[in-house]
Amino acid sequence: MGNRFFYTVIFAFLIIPIIHSCNPGPEEPDKDPGPGEVEGMPIKPEPEEITWWIPEPGISWDVQFDRFPPLTYHDGVEVYILDLYGTPDDIFNDLKSRGNKIICYVSTGTLEVNRADADEFPEYLLGNEMAEWEGEFWLDVRYTKELRELMGKRFDYAKERGCDAIDADNMDSYSNSTGLDVTMEDQVLYNAIIATEAHDRGMAIGLKNALVLIETLVDYYDFGYNEQCYQYNECHYMRPFIEKGKAVFGIEYKLNKRDFCDRANEENFDFLVKGPGFDLGPFRESCR
């Protein structure tokens, strides 16, 4: 009896850590394969044509927006995501003098009516107001000619300010209640065009959220960027970026580091915990 108890206890101590360490988290749902190539898409950039910076996995980063001036600098952070319009020149200049890279936030899928160029967007381009954000309206991405010109002007301004890359937001209107008849194929075409506009100005561009479109667009975009994919068990969609040697930036607002960081690090993703309530202030906890 004594020996049996002894071996049972030893077995338990050996096997329980193994089971715990092998637990990959929630079971991954099947991936939607996306739409594939769409007629009219621009030519993908060839490796020898790429002259812009592409962030690689393992780079240290943070995101802070204009309602929290001045910028809080964190030791070792190489990349800052900042609002293109709301960030003062002195912050841009200081980061450049320090050798930091700057990714500039631009909502390429919506119109925020408080932006300086809002009057340039005709009413026929607008869909529903976003449910979560007052004064922000979905754009009809089927109007690629008009939006290419309008976003091109924004990217010209980003280049002038010294942005190294674009954080292109709200690029998944097809899956939202926009009041528009935008299809997944419409979205893919628009997203590819917008990526080309950034590259033509020597800037990188990231695909934010829009998970189902990643496999189709991974060669057009230079990094992935996601919010809350561990909370919703969707992060497996981001792997094509890592397979291409491109960084995946991510944020969780409601999870603690212990809830997901081991999985994020195993995937070679670069994830942060930011403040609750979509707080993009100076609070930052990195998984790395």
C-alpha atoms as a PDB file:
ATOM      1  CA  MET A   1       0.000   0.000   0.000  1.00  0.00           C
ATOM      2  CA  GLY A   2       2.808   2.399   0.914  1.00  0.00           C
ATOM      3  CA  ASN A   3       4.707   1.823  -2.362  1.00  0.00           C
ATOM      4  CA  ARG A   4       1.540   2.181  -4.439  1.00  0.00           C
ATOM      5  CA  PHE A   5       0.753   5.523  -2.761  1.00  0.00           C
ATOM      6  CA  PHE A   6       4.332   6.695  -3.249  1.00  0.00           C
ATOM      7  CA  TYR A   7       4.345   5.944  -6.997  1.00  0.00           C
ATOM      8  CA  THR A   8       0.889   7.474  -7.447  1.00  0.00           C
ATOM      9  CA  VAL A   9       2.062  10.732  -5.889  1.00  0.00           C
ATOM     10  CA  ILE A  10       5.257  10.764  -7.985  1.00  0.00           C
ATOM     11  CA  PHE A  11       3.254  10.112 -11.170  1.00  0.00           C
ATOM     12  CA  ALA A  12       0.884  12.968 -10.342  1.00  0.00           C
ATOM     13  CA  PHE A  13       3.734  15.408  -9.769  1.00  0.00           C
ATOM     14  CA  LEU A  14       5.314  14.412 -13.082  1.00  0.00           C
ATOM     15  CA  ILE A  15       2.255  14.323 -15.328  1.00  0.00           C
ATOM     16  CA  ILE A  16       0.316  17.396 -14.128  1.00  0.00           C
ATOM     17  CA  PRO A  17       3.002  19.927 -15.203  1.00  0.00           C
ATOM     18  CA  ILE A  18       3.240  18.182 -18.582  1.00  0.00           C
ATOM     19  CA  ILE A  19      -0.506  18.423 -19.129  1.00  0.00           C
ATOM     20  CA  HIS A  20      -0.494  22.069 -18.032  1.00  0.00           C
ATOM     21  CA  SER A  21       2.434  23.040 -20.291  1.00  0.00           C
ATOM     22  CA  CYS A  22       0.870  21.354 -23.305  1.00  0.00           C
ATOM     23  CA  ASN A  23      -2.442  23.175 -22.918  1.00  0.00           C
ATOM     24  CA  PRO A  24      -2.649  25.468 -25.965  1.00  0.00           C
ATOM     25  CA  GLY A  25      -5.683  27.360 -24.736  1.00  0.00           C
ATOM     26  CA  PRO A  26      -9.147  27.192 -26.284  1.00  0.00           C
ATOM     27  CA  GLU A  27      -9.597  24.995 -29.318  1.00  0.00           C
ATOM     28  CA  GLU A  28      -9.138  26.975 -32.520  1.00  0.00           C
ATOM     29  CA  PRO A  29     -12.220  27.282 -34.732  1.00  0.00           C
ATOM     30  CA  ASP A  30     -11.924  26.563 -38.440  1.00  0.00           C
ATOM     31  CA  LYS A  31     -10.601  29.447 -40.501  1.00  0.00           C
ATOM     32  CA  ASP A  32     -12.702  31.143 -43.148  1.00  0.00           C
ATOM     33  CA  PRO A  33     -10.426  30.882 -46.221  1.00  0.00           C
ATOM     34  CA  GLY A  34     -11.343  34.364 -47.464  1.00  0.00           C
ATOM     35  CA  PRO A  35     -12.171  35.401 -51.013  1.00  0.00           C
ATOM     36  CA  GLY A  36      -8.851  34.763 -52.773  1.00  0.00           C
ATOM     37  CA  GLU A  37      -7.592  36.996 -55.555  1.00  0.00           C
ATOM     38  CA  VAL A  38     -10.026  39.598 -56.916  1.00  0.00           C
ATOM     39  CA  GLU A  39     -10.123  41.022 -60.421  1.00  0.00           C
ATOM     40  CA  GLY A  40      -8.441  44.417 -60.708  1.00  0.00           C
ATOM     41  CA  MET A  41      -6.053  44.034 -57.774  1.00  0.00           C
ATOM     42  CA  PRO A  42      -2.725  45.872 -58.165  1.00  0.00           C
ATOM     43  CA  ILE A  43       0.430  43.881 -58.779  1.00  0.00           C
ATOM     44  CA  LYS A  44       2.003  42.616 -55.566  1.00  0.00           C
ATOM     45  CA  PRO A  45       5.350  44.195 -54.694  1.00  0.00           C
ATOM     46  CA  GLU A  46       8.306  41.982 -55.558  1.00  0.00           C
ATOM     47  CA  PRO A  47      11.003  41.573 -52.874  1.00  0.00           C
ATOM     48  CA  GLU A  48      13.586  43.448 -54.941  1.00  0.00           C
ATOM     49  CA  GLU A  49      11.179  46.395 -55.260  1.00  0.00           C
ATOM     50  CA  ILE A  50      10.716  46.854 -51.507  1.00  0.00           C
ATOM     51  CA  THR A  51      12.588  49.920 -50.291  1.00  0.00           C
ATOM     52  CA  TRP A  52      10.413  50.751 -47.303  1.00  0.00           C
ATOM     53  CA  TRP A  53      10.901  49.596 -43.717  1.00  0.00           C
ATOM     54  CA  ILE A  54       9.171  46.355 -42.725  1.00  0.00           C
ATOM     55  CA  PRO A  55       8.898  45.616 -38.983  1.00  0.00           C
ATOM     56  CA  GLU A  56      10.071  42.147 -38.034  1.00  0.00           C
ATOM     57  CA  PRO A  57       8.812  39.955 -35.175  1.00  0.00           C
ATOM     58  CA  GLY A  58      10.356  40.792 -31.827  1.00  0.00           C
ATOM     59  CA  ILE A  59      10.417  44.561 -32.225  1.00  0.00           C
ATOM     60  CA  SER A  60       9.331  46.567 -29.168  1.00  0.00           C
ATOM     61  CA  TRP A  61       6.427  48.954 -29.638  1.00  0.00           C
ATOM     62  CA  ASP A  62       3.707  51.033 -28.055  1.00  0.00           C
ATOM     63  CA  VAL A  63       0.624  52.977 -29.146  1.00  0.00           C
ATOM     64  CA  GLN A  64      -0.405  56.303 -27.582  1.00  0.00           C
ATOM     65  CA  PHE A  65      -2.946  58.777 -28.917  1.00  0.00           C
ATOM     66  CA  ASP A  66      -3.338  62.531 -28.681  1.00  0.00           C
ATOM     67  CA  ARG A  67      -5.641  62.699 -25.668  1.00  0.00           C
ATOM     68  CA  PHE A  68      -2.670  61.765 -23.452  1.00  0.00           C
ATOM     69  CA  PRO A  69      -0.009  64.414 -24.196  1.00  0.00           C
ATOM     70  CA  PRO A  70       2.842  64.558 -23.712  1.00  0.00           C
ATOM     71  CA  LEU A  71       4.090  61.212 -24.992  1.00  0.00           C
ATOM     72  CA  THR A  72       5.330  58.836 -22.309  1.00  0.00           C
ATOM     73  CA  TYR A  73       8.582  57.243 -23.409  1.00  0.00           C
ATOM     74  CA  HIS A  74       9.239  53.639 -22.426  1.00  0.00           C
ATOM     75  CA  ASP A  75      12.761  52.224 -22.185  1.00  0.00           C
ATOM     76  CA  GLY A  76      13.625  49.980 -25.116  1.00  0.00           C
ATOM     77  CA  VAL A  77      10.558  50.808 -27.198  1.00  0.00           C
ATOM     78  CA  GLU A  78      11.591  51.149 -30.837  1.00  0.00           C
ATOM     79  CA  VAL A  79       8.261  51.866 -32.526  1.00  0.00           C
ATOM     80  CA  TYR A  80       5.410  54.195 -31.591  1.00  0.00           C
ATOM     81  CA  ILE A  81       1.966  54.209 -33.173  1.00  0.00           C
ATOM     82  CA  LEU A  82       0.620  57.766 -33.064  1.00  0.00           C
ATOM     83  CA  ASP A  83      -2.359  59.629 -34.466  1.00  0.00           C
ATOM     84  CA  LEU A  84      -1.386  61.311 -37.740  1.00  0.00           C
ATOM     85  CA  TYR A  85      -3.394  64.466 -37.101  1.00  0.00           C
ATOM     86  CA  GLY A  86      -3.487  64.753 -33.319  1.00  0.00           C
ATOM     87  CA  THR A  87       0.205  64.341 -32.478  1.00  0.00           C
ATOM     88  CA  PRO A  88       2.218  67.581 -32.176  1.00  0.00           C
ATOM     89  CA  ASP A  89       5.257  68.224 -34.370  1.00  0.00           C
ATOM     90  CA  ASP A  90       7.637  68.280 -31.411  1.00  0.00           C
ATOM     91  CA  ILE A  91       6.807  64.648 -30.602  1.00  0.00           C
ATOM     92  CA  PHE A  92       7.433  63.595 -34.196  1.00  0.00           C
ATOM     93  CA  ASN A  93      10.709  65.505 -34.267  1.00  0.00           C
ATOM     94  CA  ASP A  94      11.879  64.147 -30.934  1.00  0.00           C
ATOM     95  CA  LEU A  95      11.164  60.535 -31.896  1.00  0.00           C
ATOM     96  CA  LYS A  96      12.989  60.987 -35.181  1.00  0.00           C
ATOM     97  CA  SER A  97      16.006  62.446 -33.397  1.00  0.00           C
ATOM     98  CA  ARG A  98      16.041  59.394 -31.102  1.00  0.00           C
ATOM     99  CA  GLY A  99      15.972  57.001 -34.060  1.00  0.00           C
ATOM    100  CA  ASN A 100      12.493  55.639 -33.339  1.00  0.00           C
ATOM    101  CA  LYS A 101      10.135  54.452 -36.053  1.00  0.00           C
ATOM    102  CA  ILE A 102       6.690  56.078 -36.257  1.00  0.00           C
ATOM    103  CA  ILE A 103       3.551  54.327 -37.460  1.00  0.00           C
ATOM    104  CA  CYS A 104       0.770  56.830 -38.130  1.00  0.00           C
ATOM    105  CA  TYR A 105      -2.863  56.025 -37.452  1.00  0.00           C
ATOM    106  CA  VAL A 106      -5.197  56.808 -40.355  1.00  0.00           C
ATOM    107  CA  SER A 107      -8.768  55.571 -40.559  1.00  0.00           C
ATOM    108  CA  THR A 108      -8.872  54.538 -44.202  1.00  0.00           C
ATOM    109  CA  GLY A 109     -12.280  52.889 -43.903  1.00  0.00           C
ATOM    110  CA  THR A 110     -14.236  55.615 -42.122  1.00  0.00           C
ATOM    111  CA  LEU A 111     -14.594  59.377 -42.055  1.00  0.00           C
ATOM    112  CA  GLU A 112     -14.192  61.117 -38.702  1.00  0.00           C
ATOM    113  CA  VAL A 113     -16.013  64.415 -39.085  1.00  0.00           C
ATOM    114  CA  ASN A 114     -13.552  66.277 -36.849  1.00  0.00           C
ATOM    115  CA  ARG A 115     -10.643  65.673 -39.231  1.00  0.00           C
ATOM    116  CA  ALA A 116      -9.237  68.663 -41.091  1.00  0.00           C
ATOM    117  CA  ASP A 117     -10.077  67.210 -44.514  1.00  0.00           C
ATOM    118  CA  ALA A 118     -13.622  66.042 -43.696  1.00  0.00           C
ATOM    119  CA  ASP A 119     -15.202  68.598 -46.055  1.00  0.00           C
ATOM    120  CA  GLU A 120     -13.434  66.983 -49.005  1.00  0.00           C
ATOM    121  CA  PHE A 121     -15.476  63.776 -48.655  1.00  0.00           C
ATOM    122  CA  PRO A 122     -18.756  63.994 -50.608  1.00  0.00           C
ATOM    123  CA  GLU A 123     -21.878  62.728 -48.878  1.00  0.00           C
ATOM    124  CA  TYR A 124     -22.389  59.873 -51.349  1.00  0.00           C
ATOM    125  CA  LEU A 125     -19.257  58.215 -49.971  1.00  0.00           C
ATOM    126  CA  LEU A 126     -20.755  57.894 -46.493  1.00  0.00           C
ATOM    127  CA  GLY A 127     -22.626  55.006 -44.922  1.00  0.00           C
ATOM    128  CA  ASN A 128     -23.937  54.570 -41.418  1.00  0.00           C
ATOM    129  CA  GLU A 129     -22.424  56.191 -38.376  1.00  0.00           C
ATOM    130  CA  MET A 130     -20.337  53.743 -36.388  1.00  0.00           C
ATOM    131  CA  ALA A 131     -22.252  52.445 -33.390  1.00  0.00           C
ATOM    132  CA  GLU A 132     -19.356  52.872 -30.957  1.00  0.00           C
ATOM    133  CA  TRP A 133     -17.955  56.190 -32.180  1.00  0.00           C
ATOM    134  CA  GLU A 134     -20.065  59.312 -32.541  1.00  0.00           C
ATOM    135  CA  GLY A 135     -19.206  61.432 -35.572  1.00  0.00           C
ATOM    136  CA  GLU A 136     -17.491  58.614 -37.474  1.00  0.00           C
ATOM    137  CA  PHE A 137     -19.085  57.213 -40.628  1.00  0.00           C
ATOM    138  CA  TRP A 138     -18.300  54.179 -42.748  1.00  0.00           C
ATOM    139  CA  LEU A 139     -16.921  54.883 -46.227  1.00  0.00           C
ATOM    140  CA  ASP A 140     -18.228  53.200 -49.353  1.00  0.00           C
ATOM    141  CA  VAL A 141     -15.062  51.442 -50.466  1.00  0.00           C
ATOM    142  CA  ARG A 142     -16.583  50.597 -53.830  1.00  0.00           C
ATOM    143  CA  TYR A 143     -15.659  54.156 -54.887  1.00  0.00           C
ATOM    144  CA  THR A 144     -12.014  53.254 -55.284  1.00  0.00           C
ATOM    145  CA  LYS A 145     -11.110  56.136 -57.614  1.00  0.00           C
ATOM    146  CA  GLU A 146     -12.387  58.838 -55.283  1.00  0.00           C
ATOM    147  CA  LEU A 147     -11.045  57.243 -52.114  1.00  0.00           C
ATOM    148  CA  ARG A 148      -7.684  56.510 -53.673  1.00  0.00           C
ATOM    149  CA  GLU A 149      -7.268  60.235 -54.304  1.00  0.00           C
ATOM    150  CA  LEU A 150      -8.501  61.263 -50.865  1.00  0.00           C
ATOM    151  CA  MET A 151      -6.395  58.729 -48.989  1.00  0.00           C
ATOM    152  CA  GLY A 152      -3.455  59.561 -51.221  1.00  0.00           C
ATOM    153  CA  LYS A 153      -3.591  63.131 -49.901  1.00  0.00           C
ATOM    154  CA  ARG A 154      -3.594  61.812 -46.343  1.00  0.00           C
ATOM    155  CA  PHE A 155      -0.605  59.624 -47.109  1.00  0.00           C
ATOM    156  CA  ASP A 156       1.203  62.601 -48.665  1.00  0.00           C
ATOM    157  CA  TYR A 157       0.734  64.398 -45.355  1.00  0.00           C
ATOM    158  CA  ALA A 158       1.954  61.322 -43.460  1.00  0.00           C
ATOM    159  CA  LYS A 159       5.083  61.209 -45.587  1.00  0.00           C
ATOM    160  CA  GLU A 160       5.633  64.930 -45.031  1.00  0.00           C
ATOM    161  CA  ARG A 161       5.385  64.469 -41.266  1.00  0.00           C
ATOM    162  CA  GLY A 162       7.950  61.670 -41.249  1.00  0.00           C
ATOM    163  CA  CYS A 163       5.753  58.600 -40.804  1.00  0.00           C
ATOM    164  CA  ASP A 164       7.534  55.335 -41.542  1.00  0.00           C
ATOM    165  CA  ALA A 165       4.314  53.350 -41.853  1.00  0.00           C
ATOM    166  CA  ILE A 166       0.528  53.590 -41.826  1.00  0.00           C
ATOM    167  CA  ASP A 167      -1.822  51.977 -39.312  1.00  0.00           C
ATOM    168  CA  ALA A 168      -4.819  51.631 -41.643  1.00  0.00           C
ATOM    169  CA  ASP A 169      -7.947  51.207 -39.550  1.00  0.00           C
ATOM    170  CA  ASN A 170     -11.506  50.043 -40.258  1.00  0.00           C
ATOM    171  CA  MET A 171     -10.634  47.991 -43.324  1.00  0.00           C
ATOM    172  CA  ASP A 172     -13.412  45.469 -42.759  1.00  0.00           C
ATOM    173  CA  SER A 173     -16.587  47.379 -43.609  1.00  0.00           C
ATOM    174  CA  TYR A 174     -18.020  44.379 -45.484  1.00  0.00           C
ATOM    175  CA  SER A 175     -18.537  42.615 -42.134  1.00  0.00           C
ATOM    176  CA  ASN A 176     -20.142  45.563 -40.331  1.00  0.00           C
ATOM    177  CA  SER A 177     -23.527  47.312 -40.348  1.00  0.00           C
ATOM    178  CA  THR A 178     -22.535  50.060 -42.743  1.00  0.00           C
ATOM    179  CA  GLY A 179     -25.787  50.584 -44.639  1.00  0.00           C
ATOM    180  CA  LEU A 180     -23.782  49.865 -47.792  1.00  0.00           C
ATOM    181  CA  ASP A 181     -23.713  46.848 -50.093  1.00  0.00           C
ATOM    182  CA  VAL A 182     -19.978  46.272 -49.781  1.00  0.00           C
ATOM    183  CA  THR A 183     -18.884  42.704 -50.468  1.00  0.00           C
ATOM    184  CA  MET A 184     -15.799  40.900 -49.276  1.00  0.00           C
ATOM    185  CA  GLU A 185     -14.418  41.162 -52.822  1.00  0.00           C
ATOM    186  CA  ASP A 186     -14.993  44.939 -52.831  1.00  0.00           C
ATOM    187  CA  GLN A 187     -13.079  45.177 -49.575  1.00  0.00           C
ATOM    188  CA  VAL A 188     -10.139  43.123 -50.808  1.00  0.00           C
ATOM    189  CA  LEU A 189      -9.756  45.287 -53.898  1.00  0.00           C
ATOM    190  CA  TYR A 190      -9.898  48.503 -51.894  1.00  0.00           C
ATOM    191  CA  ASN A 191      -7.466  47.247 -49.264  1.00  0.00           C
ATOM    192  CA  ALA A 192      -4.936  46.225 -51.913  1.00  0.00           C
ATOM    193  CA  ILE A 193      -5.215  49.634 -53.587  1.00  0.00           C
ATOM    194  CA  ILE A 194      -4.688  51.453 -50.293  1.00  0.00           C
ATOM    195  CA  ALA A 195      -1.575  49.369 -49.557  1.00  0.00           C
ATOM    196  CA  THR A 196      -0.160  50.291 -52.944  1.00  0.00           C
ATOM    197  CA  GLU A 197      -0.744  53.993 -52.221  1.00  0.00           C
ATOM    198  CA  ALA A 198       1.381  53.741 -49.066  1.00  0.00           C
ATOM    199  CA  HIS A 199       4.133  51.837 -50.841  1.00  0.00           C
ATOM    200  CA  ASP A 200       4.220  54.344 -53.689  1.00  0.00           C
ATOM    201  CA  ARG A 201       5.200  56.929 -51.070  1.00  0.00           C
ATOM    202  CA  GLY A 202       7.893  54.742 -49.517  1.00  0.00           C
ATOM    203  CA  MET A 203       5.917  53.824 -46.404  1.00  0.00           C
ATOM    204  CA  ALA A 204       4.954  50.467 -44.946  1.00  0.00           C
ATOM    205  CA  ILE A 205       1.337  49.708 -44.083  1.00  0.00           C
ATOM    206  CA  GLY A 206      -0.324  47.357 -41.619  1.00  0.00           C
ATOM    207  CA  LEU A 207      -3.533  45.379 -41.995  1.00  0.00           C
ATOM    208  CA  LYS A 208      -5.569  45.950 -38.850  1.00  0.00           C
ATOM    209  CA  ASN A 209      -8.079  43.307 -37.766  1.00  0.00           C
ATOM    210  CA  ALA A 210      -9.822  42.198 -41.058  1.00  0.00           C
ATOM    211  CA  LEU A 211      -8.770  38.668 -40.112  1.00  0.00           C
ATOM    212  CA  VAL A 212     -10.503  36.751 -42.891  1.00  0.00           C
ATOM    213  CA  LEU A 213      -8.728  38.851 -45.533  1.00  0.00           C
ATOM    214  CA  ILE A 214      -5.188  38.210 -44.304  1.00  0.00           C
ATOM    215  CA  GLU A 215      -4.333  35.201 -46.445  1.00  0.00           C
ATOM    216  CA  THR A 216      -5.364  37.099 -49.577  1.00  0.00           C
ATOM    217  CA  LEU A 217      -3.611  40.346 -48.629  1.00  0.00           C
ATOM    218  CA  VAL A 218      -0.513  39.259 -46.694  1.00  0.00           C
ATOM    219  CA  ASP A 219       1.784  40.012 -49.642  1.00  0.00           C
ATOM    220  CA  TYR A 220       0.367  43.530 -49.955  1.00  0.00           C
ATOM    221  CA  TYR A 221       0.740  44.430 -46.275  1.00  0.00           C
ATOM    222  CA  ASP A 222       3.913  44.722 -44.202  1.00  0.00           C
ATOM    223  CA  PHE A 223       2.672  43.820 -40.718  1.00  0.00           C
ATOM    224  CA  GLY A 224      -0.442  42.667 -38.960  1.00  0.00           C
ATOM    225  CA  TYR A 225      -2.178  44.539 -36.168  1.00  0.00           C
ATOM    226  CA  ASN A 226      -4.998  43.174 -34.060  1.00  0.00           C
ATOM    227  CA  GLU A 227      -7.092  44.049 -31.050  1.00  0.00           C
ATOM    228  CA  GLN A 228      -8.534  41.366 -28.764  1.00  0.00           C
ATOM    229  CA  CYS A 229      -7.957  38.289 -30.909  1.00  0.00           C
ATOM    230  CA  TYR A 230      -7.072  36.221 -27.825  1.00  0.00           C
ATOM    231  CA  GLN A 231     -10.241  37.350 -26.114  1.00  0.00           C
ATOM    232  CA  TYR A 232     -12.230  36.116 -29.115  1.00  0.00           C
ATOM    233  CA  ASN A 233     -10.002  33.105 -29.974  1.00  0.00           C
ATOM    234  CA  GLU A 234      -9.105  34.383 -33.454  1.00  0.00           C
ATOM    235  CA  CYS A 235      -5.338  34.892 -33.359  1.00  0.00           C
ATOM    236  CA  HIS A 236      -4.572  31.907 -35.591  1.00  0.00           C
ATOM    237  CA  TYR A 237      -5.630  34.078 -38.523  1.00  0.00           C
ATOM    238  CA  MET A 238      -2.519  36.216 -37.984  1.00  0.00           C
ATOM    239  CA  ARG A 239       0.039  33.468 -38.627  1.00  0.00           C
ATOM    240  CA  PRO A 240       0.597  34.211 -42.337  1.00  0.00           C
ATOM    241  CA  PHE A 241       2.397  37.423 -41.376  1.00  0.00           C
ATOM    242  CA  ILE A 242       4.842  35.530 -39.162  1.00  0.00           C
ATOM    243  CA  GLU A 243       5.395  32.982 -41.932  1.00  0.00           C
ATOM    244  CA  LYS A 244       6.444  35.888 -44.163  1.00  0.00           C
ATOM    245  CA  GLY A 245       8.810  37.296 -41.530  1.00  0.00           C
ATOM    246  CA  LYS A 246       6.519  40.241 -40.768  1.00  0.00           C
ATOM    247  CA  ALA A 247       5.614  41.456 -37.292  1.00  0.00           C
ATOM    248  CA  VAL A 248       2.207  40.955 -35.695  1.00  0.00           C
ATOM    249  CA  PHE A 249       1.334  43.722 -33.229  1.00  0.00           C
ATOM    250  CA  GLY A 250      -1.539  43.028 -30.878  1.00  0.00           C
ATOM    251  CA  ILE A 251      -3.431  44.457 -27.917  1.00  0.00           C
ATOM    252  CA  GLU A 252      -5.623  42.932 -25.267  1.00  0.00           C
ATOM    253  CA  TYR A 253      -7.697  45.241 -23.079  1.00  0.00           C
ATOM    254  CA  LYS A 254      -9.614  42.833 -20.842  1.00  0.00           C
ATOM    255  CA  LEU A 255      -7.144  39.963 -20.390  1.00  0.00           C
ATOM    256  CA  ASN A 256      -4.181  39.738 -18.048  1.00  0.00           C
ATOM    257  CA  LYS A 257      -0.724  38.736 -19.241  1.00  0.00           C
ATOM    258  CA  ARG A 258      -1.054  35.308 -17.633  1.00  0.00           C
ATOM    259  CA  ASP A 259      -4.203  34.679 -19.716  1.00  0.00           C
ATOM    260  CA  PHE A 260      -2.515  34.764 -23.114  1.00  0.00           C
ATOM    261  CA  CYS A 261       1.122  35.910 -23.198  1.00  0.00           C
ATOM    262  CA  ASP A 262       2.636  32.422 -23.245  1.00  0.00           C
ATOM    263  CA  ARG A 263       0.601  31.626 -26.367  1.00  0.00           C
ATOM    264  CA  ALA A 264       1.440  34.965 -27.988  1.00  0.00           C
ATOM    265  CA  ASN A 265       5.154  34.467 -27.420  1.00  0.00           C
ATOM    266  CA  GLU A 266       5.022  30.910 -28.778  1.00  0.00           C
ATOM    267  CA  GLU A 267       3.435  32.308 -31.950  1.00  0.00           C
ATOM    268  CA  ASN A 268       6.164  35.004 -32.141  1.00  0.00           C
ATOM    269  CA  PHE A 269       3.512  37.726 -31.895  1.00  0.00           C
ATOM    270  CA  ASP A 270       4.284  41.074 -30.235  1.00  0.00           C
ATOM    271  CA  PHE A 271       1.384  41.685 -27.856  1.00  0.00           C
ATOM    272  CA  LEU A 272       0.648  44.299 -25.225  1.00  0.00           C
ATOM    273  CA  VAL A 273      -1.875  44.732 -22.455  1.00  0.00           C
ATOM    274  CA  LYS A 274      -3.300  48.263 -22.572  1.00  0.00           C
ATOM    275  CA  GLY A 275      -5.785  49.936 -20.249  1.00  0.00           C
ATOM    276  CA  PRO A 276      -9.417  48.784 -20.083  1.00  0.00           C
ATOM    277  CA  GLY A 277     -12.054  50.637 -22.079  1.00  0.00           C
ATOM    278  CA  PHE A 278      -9.841  50.864 -25.181  1.00  0.00           C
ATOM    279  CA  ASP A 279      -7.473  53.103 -23.246  1.00  0.00           C
ATOM    280  CA  LEU A 280      -4.527  53.906 -25.515  1.00  0.00           C
ATOM    281  CA  GLY A 281      -2.701  55.956 -22.944  1.00  0.00           C
ATOM    282  CA  PRO A 282       0.772  55.420 -21.463  1.00  0.00           C
ATOM    283  CA  PHE A 283      -0.104  52.233 -19.528  1.00  0.00           C
ATOM    284  CA  ARG A 284       1.701  49.350 -21.190  1.00  0.00           C
ATOM    285  CA  GLU A 285       2.544  45.766 -20.265  1.00  0.00           C
ATOM    286  CA  SER A 286       4.450  43.787 -22.870  1.00  0.00           C
ATOM    287  CA  CYS A 287       4.338  40.018 -23.272  1.00  0.00           C
ATOM    288  CA  ARG A 288       7.974  39.977 -24.381  1.00  0.00           C
END
